[in-house]
Amino acid sequence: MLGILAKLGIQEKSITKAQTGGPDGDLGSNEILLSSDRTTVIIDGGGVLYDPDGLDRAELVRLARAGADSSAFNESKLGRADSACW
């Protein structure tokens, strides 16, 4: 992914991502810990997180380091009124 973005001259921080697999799994947690994009959706066994402005990166990192799924996301970290945790 990073190679494709570099070839296209796009900075990772400028892209938006929806992610399946949450912060409690190996792949999902590594994606959160290693990426710098704007993640707007995470879908995992704990539920669905959605924030059109981007999910709070520090909160996602906290969950990834704790091995917690999306159900442990602090809802006060959601931005706009149309953001949600299901």
PDB file of N, CA and C in Angstrom:
ATOM      1  N   MET A   1       0.816  -1.181   0.000  1.00  0.00           N
ATOM      2  CA  MET A   1       0.000   0.000   0.000  1.00  0.00           C
ATOM      3  C   MET A   1       0.869   1.257   0.000  1.00  0.00           C
ATOM      4  N   LEU A   2       1.855   1.275   0.889  1.00  0.00           N
ATOM      5  CA  LEU A   2       2.713   2.458   0.976  1.00  0.00           C
ATOM      6  C   LEU A   2       3.489   2.682  -0.318  1.00  0.00           C
ATOM      7  N   GLY A   3       3.893   1.598  -0.965  1.00  0.00           N
ATOM      8  CA  GLY A   3       4.598   1.706  -2.238  1.00  0.00           C
ATOM      9  C   GLY A   3       3.714   2.297  -3.330  1.00  0.00           C
ATOM     10  N   ILE A   4       2.469   1.869  -3.369  1.00  0.00           N
ATOM     11  CA  ILE A   4       1.525   2.403  -4.362  1.00  0.00           C
ATOM     12  C   ILE A   4       1.295   3.884  -4.126  1.00  0.00           C
ATOM     13  N   LEU A   5       1.072   4.252  -2.861  1.00  0.00           N
ATOM     14  CA  LEU A   5       0.864   5.667  -2.547  1.00  0.00           C
ATOM     15  C   LEU A   5       2.085   6.504  -2.935  1.00  0.00           C
ATOM     16  N   ALA A   6       3.273   5.998  -2.638  1.00  0.00           N
ATOM     17  CA  ALA A   6       4.498   6.730  -2.979  1.00  0.00           C
ATOM     18  C   ALA A   6       4.616   6.900  -4.491  1.00  0.00           C
ATOM     19  N   LYS A   7       4.336   5.844  -5.231  1.00  0.00           N
ATOM     20  CA  LYS A   7       4.421   5.917  -6.689  1.00  0.00           C
ATOM     21  C   LYS A   7       3.436   6.944  -7.258  1.00  0.00           C
ATOM     22  N   LEU A   8       2.268   7.068  -6.620  1.00  0.00           N
ATOM     23  CA  LEU A   8       1.261   8.019  -7.061  1.00  0.00           C
ATOM     24  C   LEU A   8       1.471   9.418  -6.482  1.00  0.00           C
ATOM     25  N   GLY A   9       2.449   9.550  -5.584  1.00  0.00           N
ATOM     26  CA  GLY A   9       2.719  10.850  -4.968  1.00  0.00           C
ATOM     27  C   GLY A   9       1.657  11.264  -3.960  1.00  0.00           C
ATOM     28  N   ILE A  10       1.050  10.278  -3.305  1.00  0.00           N
ATOM     29  CA  ILE A  10      -0.006  10.547  -2.328  1.00  0.00           C
ATOM     30  C   ILE A  10       0.530  10.252  -0.933  1.00  0.00           C
ATOM     31  N   GLN A  11       0.324  11.178  -0.018  1.00  0.00           N
ATOM     32  CA  GLN A  11       0.741  10.950   1.361  1.00  0.00           C
ATOM     33  C   GLN A  11      -0.311  10.118   2.086  1.00  0.00           C
ATOM     34  N   GLU A  12       0.142   9.159   2.876  1.00  0.00           N
ATOM     35  CA  GLU A  12      -0.775   8.263   3.582  1.00  0.00           C
ATOM     36  C   GLU A  12      -1.748   9.041   4.469  1.00  0.00           C
ATOM     37  N   LYS A  13      -1.313  10.106   5.095  1.00  0.00           N
ATOM     38  CA  LYS A  13      -2.177  10.894   5.984  1.00  0.00           C
ATOM     39  C   LYS A  13      -3.366  11.511   5.255  1.00  0.00           C
ATOM     40  N   SER A  14      -3.290  11.586   3.932  1.00  0.00           N
ATOM     41  CA  SER A  14      -4.365  12.229   3.173  1.00  0.00           C
ATOM     42  C   SER A  14      -5.467  11.264   2.746  1.00  0.00           C
ATOM     43  N   ILE A  15      -5.290   9.956   2.989  1.00  0.00           N
ATOM     44  CA  ILE A  15      -6.309   9.006   2.547  1.00  0.00           C
ATOM     45  C   ILE A  15      -7.244   8.617   3.699  1.00  0.00           C
ATOM     46  N   THR A  16      -8.446   8.193   3.327  1.00  0.00           N
ATOM     47  CA  THR A  16      -9.453   7.737   4.273  1.00  0.00           C
ATOM     48  C   THR A  16      -9.608   6.230   4.108  1.00  0.00           C
ATOM     49  N   LYS A  17      -9.800   5.532   5.237  1.00  0.00           N
ATOM     50  CA  LYS A  17      -9.862   4.076   5.188  1.00  0.00           C
ATOM     51  C   LYS A  17     -11.027   3.550   6.019  1.00  0.00           C
ATOM     52  N   ALA A  18     -11.660   2.490   5.525  1.00  0.00           N
ATOM     53  CA  ALA A  18     -12.591   1.672   6.293  1.00  0.00           C
ATOM     54  C   ALA A  18     -11.878   0.346   6.531  1.00  0.00           C
ATOM     55  N   GLN A  19     -11.956  -0.163   7.739  1.00  0.00           N
ATOM     56  CA  GLN A  19     -11.179  -1.347   8.100  1.00  0.00           C
ATOM     57  C   GLN A  19     -12.070  -2.441   8.659  1.00  0.00           C
ATOM     58  N   THR A  20     -11.908  -3.653   8.124  1.00  0.00           N
ATOM     59  CA  THR A  20     -12.533  -4.822   8.738  1.00  0.00           C
ATOM     60  C   THR A  20     -11.463  -5.517   9.549  1.00  0.00           C
ATOM     61  N   GLY A  21     -11.812  -5.957  10.707  1.00  0.00           N
ATOM     62  CA  GLY A  21     -10.828  -6.490  11.643  1.00  0.00           C
ATOM     63  C   GLY A  21     -10.456  -5.385  12.608  1.00  0.00           C
ATOM     64  N   GLY A  22     -10.629  -5.659  13.874  1.00  0.00           N
ATOM     65  CA  GLY A  22     -10.459  -4.607  14.864  1.00  0.00           C
ATOM     66  C   GLY A  22      -9.124  -4.608  15.574  1.00  0.00           C
ATOM     67  N   PRO A  23      -9.043  -3.759  16.583  1.00  0.00           N
ATOM     68  CA  PRO A  23      -7.798  -3.568  17.303  1.00  0.00           C
ATOM     69  C   PRO A  23      -7.395  -4.748  18.173  1.00  0.00           C
ATOM     70  N   ASP A  24      -8.282  -5.729  18.345  1.00  0.00           N
ATOM     71  CA  ASP A  24      -7.943  -6.888  19.162  1.00  0.00           C
ATOM     72  C   ASP A  24      -7.250  -7.994  18.377  1.00  0.00           C
ATOM     73  N   GLY A  25      -7.223  -7.907  17.064  1.00  0.00           N
ATOM     74  CA  GLY A  25      -6.592  -8.943  16.246  1.00  0.00           C
ATOM     75  C   GLY A  25      -5.198  -8.547  15.794  1.00  0.00           C
ATOM     76  N   ASP A  26      -4.416  -9.523  15.381  1.00  0.00           N
ATOM     77  CA  ASP A  26      -3.044  -9.255  14.934  1.00  0.00           C
ATOM     78  C   ASP A  26      -2.999  -8.288  13.762  1.00  0.00           C
ATOM     79  N   LEU A  27      -3.768  -8.582  12.717  1.00  0.00           N
ATOM     80  CA  LEU A  27      -3.725  -7.735  11.521  1.00  0.00           C
ATOM     81  C   LEU A  27      -4.331  -6.364  11.784  1.00  0.00           C
ATOM     82  N   GLY A  28      -5.479  -6.328  12.452  1.00  0.00           N
ATOM     83  CA  GLY A  28      -6.135  -5.056  12.731  1.00  0.00           C
ATOM     84  C   GLY A  28      -5.314  -4.158  13.633  1.00  0.00           C
ATOM     85  N   SER A  29      -4.736  -4.730  14.677  1.00  0.00           N
ATOM     86  CA  SER A  29      -3.930  -3.914  15.597  1.00  0.00           C
ATOM     87  C   SER A  29      -2.664  -3.410  14.915  1.00  0.00           C
ATOM     88  N   ASN A  30      -2.023  -4.252  14.120  1.00  0.00           N
ATOM     89  CA  ASN A  30      -0.823  -3.800  13.396  1.00  0.00           C
ATOM     90  C   ASN A  30      -1.160  -2.692  12.412  1.00  0.00           C
ATOM     91  N   GLU A  31      -2.305  -2.810  11.751  1.00  0.00           N
ATOM     92  CA  GLU A  31      -2.718  -1.766  10.808  1.00  0.00           C
ATOM     93  C   GLU A  31      -2.911  -0.439  11.540  1.00  0.00           C
ATOM     94  N   ILE A  32      -3.523  -0.484  12.703  1.00  0.00           N
ATOM     95  CA  ILE A  32      -3.728   0.734  13.498  1.00  0.00           C
ATOM     96  C   ILE A  32      -2.395   1.305  13.970  1.00  0.00           C
ATOM     97  N   LEU A  33      -1.533   0.456  14.493  1.00  0.00           N
ATOM     98  CA  LEU A  33      -0.266   0.920  15.061  1.00  0.00           C
ATOM     99  C   LEU A  33       0.717   1.429  14.012  1.00  0.00           C
ATOM    100  N   LEU A  34       0.651   0.894  12.796  1.00  0.00           N
ATOM    101  CA  LEU A  34       1.633   1.253  11.776  1.00  0.00           C
ATOM    102  C   LEU A  34       1.155   2.290  10.772  1.00  0.00           C
ATOM    103  N   SER A  35      -0.145   2.536  10.722  1.00  0.00           N
ATOM    104  CA  SER A  35      -0.662   3.443   9.696  1.00  0.00           C
ATOM    105  C   SER A  35      -0.794   4.874  10.210  1.00  0.00           C
ATOM    106  N   SER A  36      -0.943   5.783   9.256  1.00  0.00           N
ATOM    107  CA  SER A  36      -1.159   7.192   9.619  1.00  0.00           C
ATOM    108  C   SER A  36      -2.301   7.796   8.797  1.00  0.00           C
ATOM    109  N   ASP A  37      -3.143   6.924   8.238  1.00  0.00           N
ATOM    110  CA  ASP A  37      -4.291   7.391   7.448  1.00  0.00           C
ATOM    111  C   ASP A  37      -5.406   7.867   8.375  1.00  0.00           C
ATOM    112  N   ARG A  38      -6.503   8.272   7.792  1.00  0.00           N
ATOM    113  CA  ARG A  38      -7.686   8.670   8.554  1.00  0.00           C
ATOM    114  C   ARG A  38      -8.689   7.530   8.451  1.00  0.00           C
ATOM    115  N   THR A  39      -8.823   6.765   9.522  1.00  0.00           N
ATOM    116  CA  THR A  39      -9.734   5.632   9.559  1.00  0.00           C
ATOM    117  C   THR A  39     -11.110   6.130   9.983  1.00  0.00           C
ATOM    118  N   THR A  40     -12.109   5.916   9.141  1.00  0.00           N
ATOM    119  CA  THR A  40     -13.460   6.389   9.446  1.00  0.00           C
ATOM    120  C   THR A  40     -14.390   5.279   9.936  1.00  0.00           C
ATOM    121  N   VAL A  41     -14.063   4.025   9.603  1.00  0.00           N
ATOM    122  CA  VAL A  41     -14.921   2.896   9.984  1.00  0.00           C
ATOM    123  C   VAL A  41     -14.049   1.724  10.410  1.00  0.00           C
ATOM    124  N   ILE A  42     -14.449   1.083  11.509  1.00  0.00           N
ATOM    125  CA  ILE A  42     -13.865  -0.204  11.889  1.00  0.00           C
ATOM    126  C   ILE A  42     -15.024  -1.142  12.180  1.00  0.00           C
ATOM    127  N   ILE A  43     -14.952  -2.332  11.579  1.00  0.00           N
ATOM    128  CA  ILE A  43     -15.959  -3.370  11.782  1.00  0.00           C
ATOM    129  C   ILE A  43     -15.232  -4.597  12.320  1.00  0.00           C
ATOM    130  N   ASP A  44     -15.652  -5.056  13.493  1.00  0.00           N
ATOM    131  CA  ASP A  44     -15.052  -6.262  14.058  1.00  0.00           C
ATOM    132  C   ASP A  44     -16.093  -7.006  14.872  1.00  0.00           C
ATOM    133  N   GLY A  45     -15.681  -8.041  15.565  1.00  0.00           N
ATOM    134  CA  GLY A  45     -16.610  -8.837  16.350  1.00  0.00           C
ATOM    135  C   GLY A  45     -17.284  -8.077  17.477  1.00  0.00           C
ATOM    136  N   GLY A  46     -16.689  -6.970  17.905  1.00  0.00           N
ATOM    137  CA  GLY A  46     -17.258  -6.170  18.986  1.00  0.00           C
ATOM    138  C   GLY A  46     -18.302  -5.185  18.520  1.00  0.00           C
ATOM    139  N   GLY A  47     -18.356  -4.926  17.221  1.00  0.00           N
ATOM    140  CA  GLY A  47     -19.335  -3.987  16.694  1.00  0.00           C
ATOM    141  C   GLY A  47     -18.806  -3.175  15.535  1.00  0.00           C
ATOM    142  N   VAL A  48     -19.361  -1.982  15.385  1.00  0.00           N
ATOM    143  CA  VAL A  48     -18.991  -1.074  14.305  1.00  0.00           C
ATOM    144  C   VAL A  48     -18.715   0.296  14.895  1.00  0.00           C
ATOM    145  N   LEU A  49     -17.602   0.892  14.501  1.00  0.00           N
ATOM    146  CA  LEU A  49     -17.265   2.264  14.870  1.00  0.00           C
ATOM    147  C   LEU A  49     -17.316   3.101  13.613  1.00  0.00           C
ATOM    148  N   TYR A  50     -17.921   4.287  13.710  1.00  0.00           N
ATOM    149  CA  TYR A  50     -18.006   5.160  12.547  1.00  0.00           C
ATOM    150  C   TYR A  50     -17.876   6.617  12.981  1.00  0.00           C
ATOM    151  N   ASP A  51     -16.953   7.321  12.359  1.00  0.00           N
ATOM    152  CA  ASP A  51     -16.824   8.762  12.529  1.00  0.00           C
ATOM    153  C   ASP A  51     -16.370   9.317  11.183  1.00  0.00           C
ATOM    154  N   PRO A  52     -17.220  10.072  10.495  1.00  0.00           N
ATOM    155  CA  PRO A  52     -16.867  10.570   9.163  1.00  0.00           C
ATOM    156  C   PRO A  52     -15.650  11.497   9.150  1.00  0.00           C
ATOM    157  N   ASP A  53     -15.313  12.061  10.297  1.00  0.00           N
ATOM    158  CA  ASP A  53     -14.130  12.920  10.381  1.00  0.00           C
ATOM    159  C   ASP A  53     -12.878  12.138  10.730  1.00  0.00           C
ATOM    160  N   GLY A  54     -13.019  10.853  10.991  1.00  0.00           N
ATOM    161  CA  GLY A  54     -11.899   9.996  11.364  1.00  0.00           C
ATOM    162  C   GLY A  54     -11.986   9.616  12.830  1.00  0.00           C
ATOM    163  N   LEU A  55     -11.832   8.336  13.101  1.00  0.00           N
ATOM    164  CA  LEU A  55     -11.833   7.852  14.474  1.00  0.00           C
ATOM    165  C   LEU A  55     -10.598   8.366  15.206  1.00  0.00           C
ATOM    166  N   ASP A  56     -10.753   8.653  16.466  1.00  0.00           N
ATOM    167  CA  ASP A  56      -9.662   9.189  17.281  1.00  0.00           C
ATOM    168  C   ASP A  56      -8.483   8.216  17.274  1.00  0.00           C
ATOM    169  N   ARG A  57      -7.376   8.648  16.696  1.00  0.00           N
ATOM    170  CA  ARG A  57      -6.199   7.779  16.527  1.00  0.00           C
ATOM    171  C   ARG A  57      -5.643   7.323  17.873  1.00  0.00           C
ATOM    172  N   ALA A  58      -5.554   8.219  18.859  1.00  0.00           N
ATOM    173  CA  ALA A  58      -5.017   7.843  20.174  1.00  0.00           C
ATOM    174  C   ALA A  58      -5.890   6.776  20.836  1.00  0.00           C
ATOM    175  N   GLU A  59      -7.203   6.866  20.662  1.00  0.00           N
ATOM    176  CA  GLU A  59      -8.106   5.871  21.234  1.00  0.00           C
ATOM    177  C   GLU A  59      -7.945   4.533  20.518  1.00  0.00           C
ATOM    178  N   LEU A  60      -7.761   4.551  19.206  1.00  0.00           N
ATOM    179  CA  LEU A  60      -7.527   3.302  18.463  1.00  0.00           C
ATOM    180  C   LEU A  60      -6.215   2.656  18.902  1.00  0.00           C
ATOM    181  N   VAL A  61      -5.188   3.454  19.091  1.00  0.00           N
ATOM    182  CA  VAL A  61      -3.895   2.927  19.554  1.00  0.00           C
ATOM    183  C   VAL A  61      -4.043   2.326  20.951  1.00  0.00           C
ATOM    184  N   ARG A  62      -4.797   2.991  21.816  1.00  0.00           N
ATOM    185  CA  ARG A  62      -5.034   2.459  23.169  1.00  0.00           C
ATOM    186  C   ARG A  62      -5.671   1.076  23.088  1.00  0.00           C
ATOM    187  N   LEU A  63      -6.699   0.937  22.244  1.00  0.00           N
ATOM    188  CA  LEU A  63      -7.368  -0.355  22.092  1.00  0.00           C
ATOM    189  C   LEU A  63      -6.428  -1.418  21.526  1.00  0.00           C
ATOM    190  N   ALA A  64      -5.642  -1.038  20.524  1.00  0.00           N
ATOM    191  CA  ALA A  64      -4.709  -1.989  19.901  1.00  0.00           C
ATOM    192  C   ALA A  64      -3.678  -2.487  20.911  1.00  0.00           C
ATOM    193  N   ARG A  65      -3.152  -1.592  21.709  1.00  0.00           N
ATOM    194  CA  ARG A  65      -2.148  -1.990  22.711  1.00  0.00           C
ATOM    195  C   ARG A  65      -2.758  -2.835  23.823  1.00  0.00           C
ATOM    196  N   ALA A  66      -4.034  -2.595  24.119  1.00  0.00           N
ATOM    197  CA  ALA A  66      -4.726  -3.363  25.160  1.00  0.00           C
ATOM    198  C   ALA A  66      -5.279  -4.681  24.635  1.00  0.00           C
ATOM    199  N   GLY A  67      -5.300  -4.860  23.319  1.00  0.00           N
ATOM    200  CA  GLY A  67      -5.883  -6.057  22.721  1.00  0.00           C
ATOM    201  C   GLY A  67      -7.398  -6.095  22.872  1.00  0.00           C
ATOM    202  N   ALA A  68      -8.011  -4.900  22.906  1.00  0.00           N
ATOM    203  CA  ALA A  68      -9.464  -4.790  23.092  1.00  0.00           C
ATOM    204  C   ALA A  68     -10.157  -4.612  21.744  1.00  0.00           C
ATOM    205  N   ASP A  69     -11.399  -5.072  21.657  1.00  0.00           N
ATOM    206  CA  ASP A  69     -12.146  -4.889  20.409  1.00  0.00           C
ATOM    207  C   ASP A  69     -12.897  -3.554  20.419  1.00  0.00           C
ATOM    208  N   SER A  70     -13.666  -3.316  19.382  1.00  0.00           N
ATOM    209  CA  SER A  70     -14.320  -2.024  19.204  1.00  0.00           C
ATOM    210  C   SER A  70     -15.328  -1.690  20.298  1.00  0.00           C
ATOM    211  N   SER A  71     -15.835  -2.702  20.996  1.00  0.00           N
ATOM    212  CA  SER A  71     -16.813  -2.432  22.052  1.00  0.00           C
ATOM    213  C   SER A  71     -16.209  -1.649  23.214  1.00  0.00           C
ATOM    214  N   ALA A  72     -14.888  -1.609  23.319  1.00  0.00           N
ATOM    215  CA  ALA A  72     -14.211  -0.872  24.392  1.00  0.00           C
ATOM    216  C   ALA A  72     -13.877   0.570  23.991  1.00  0.00           C
ATOM    217  N   PHE A  73     -14.271   0.980  22.782  1.00  0.00           N
ATOM    218  CA  PHE A  73     -13.990   2.342  22.317  1.00  0.00           C
ATOM    219  C   PHE A  73     -14.737   3.344  23.195  1.00  0.00           C
ATOM    220  N   ASN A  74     -14.055   4.372  23.644  1.00  0.00           N
ATOM    221  CA  ASN A  74     -14.659   5.425  24.466  1.00  0.00           C
ATOM    222  C   ASN A  74     -15.498   6.319  23.559  1.00  0.00           C
ATOM    223  N   GLU A  75     -16.820   6.209  23.675  1.00  0.00           N
ATOM    224  CA  GLU A  75     -17.722   6.940  22.783  1.00  0.00           C
ATOM    225  C   GLU A  75     -17.568   8.451  22.877  1.00  0.00           C
ATOM    226  N   SER A  76     -17.033   8.957  23.972  1.00  0.00           N
ATOM    227  CA  SER A  76     -16.820  10.407  24.090  1.00  0.00           C
ATOM    228  C   SER A  76     -15.735  10.887  23.126  1.00  0.00           C
ATOM    229  N   LYS A  77     -14.991   9.952  22.543  1.00  0.00           N
ATOM    230  CA  LYS A  77     -13.931  10.286  21.581  1.00  0.00           C
ATOM    231  C   LYS A  77     -14.469  10.409  20.160  1.00  0.00           C
ATOM    232  N   LEU A  78     -15.774  10.158  19.968  1.00  0.00           N
ATOM    233  CA  LEU A  78     -16.376  10.332  18.650  1.00  0.00           C
ATOM    234  C   LEU A  78     -16.609  11.812  18.403  1.00  0.00           C
ATOM    235  N   GLY A  79     -16.485  12.223  17.144  1.00  0.00           N
ATOM    236  CA  GLY A  79     -16.598  13.626  16.792  1.00  0.00           C
ATOM    237  C   GLY A  79     -18.021  14.104  16.590  1.00  0.00           C
ATOM    238  N   ARG A  80     -18.453  14.067  15.379  1.00  0.00           N
ATOM    239  CA  ARG A  80     -19.731  14.673  14.982  1.00  0.00           C
ATOM    240  C   ARG A  80     -20.944  13.913  15.515  1.00  0.00           C
ATOM    241  N   ALA A  81     -22.075  14.580  15.447  1.00  0.00           N
ATOM    242  CA  ALA A  81     -23.332  13.987  15.919  1.00  0.00           C
ATOM    243  C   ALA A  81     -23.715  12.735  15.132  1.00  0.00           C
ATOM    244  N   ASP A  82     -23.270  12.620  13.863  1.00  0.00           N
ATOM    245  CA  ASP A  82     -23.620  11.447  13.072  1.00  0.00           C
ATOM    246  C   ASP A  82     -22.608  10.310  13.219  1.00  0.00           C
ATOM    247  N   SER A  83     -21.678  10.434  14.162  1.00  0.00           N
ATOM    248  CA  SER A  83     -20.760   9.357  14.489  1.00  0.00           C
ATOM    249  C   SER A  83     -21.492   8.330  15.350  1.00  0.00           C
ATOM    250  N   ALA A  84     -21.002   7.084  15.371  1.00  0.00           N
ATOM    251  CA  ALA A  84     -21.715   6.071  16.133  1.00  0.00           C
ATOM    252  C   ALA A  84     -20.845   4.879  16.505  1.00  0.00           C
ATOM    253  N   CYS A  85     -21.254   4.227  17.582  1.00  0.00           N
ATOM    254  CA  CYS A  85     -20.741   2.921  17.970  1.00  0.00           C
ATOM    255  C   CYS A  85     -21.937   1.990  18.042  1.00  0.00           C
ATOM    256  N   TRP A  86     -21.876   0.879  17.336  1.00  0.00           N
ATOM    257  CA  TRP A  86     -22.957  -0.116  17.383  1.00  0.00           C
ATOM    258  C   TRP A  86     -22.441  -1.407  17.932  1.00  0.00           C
TER     259      TRP A  86
END
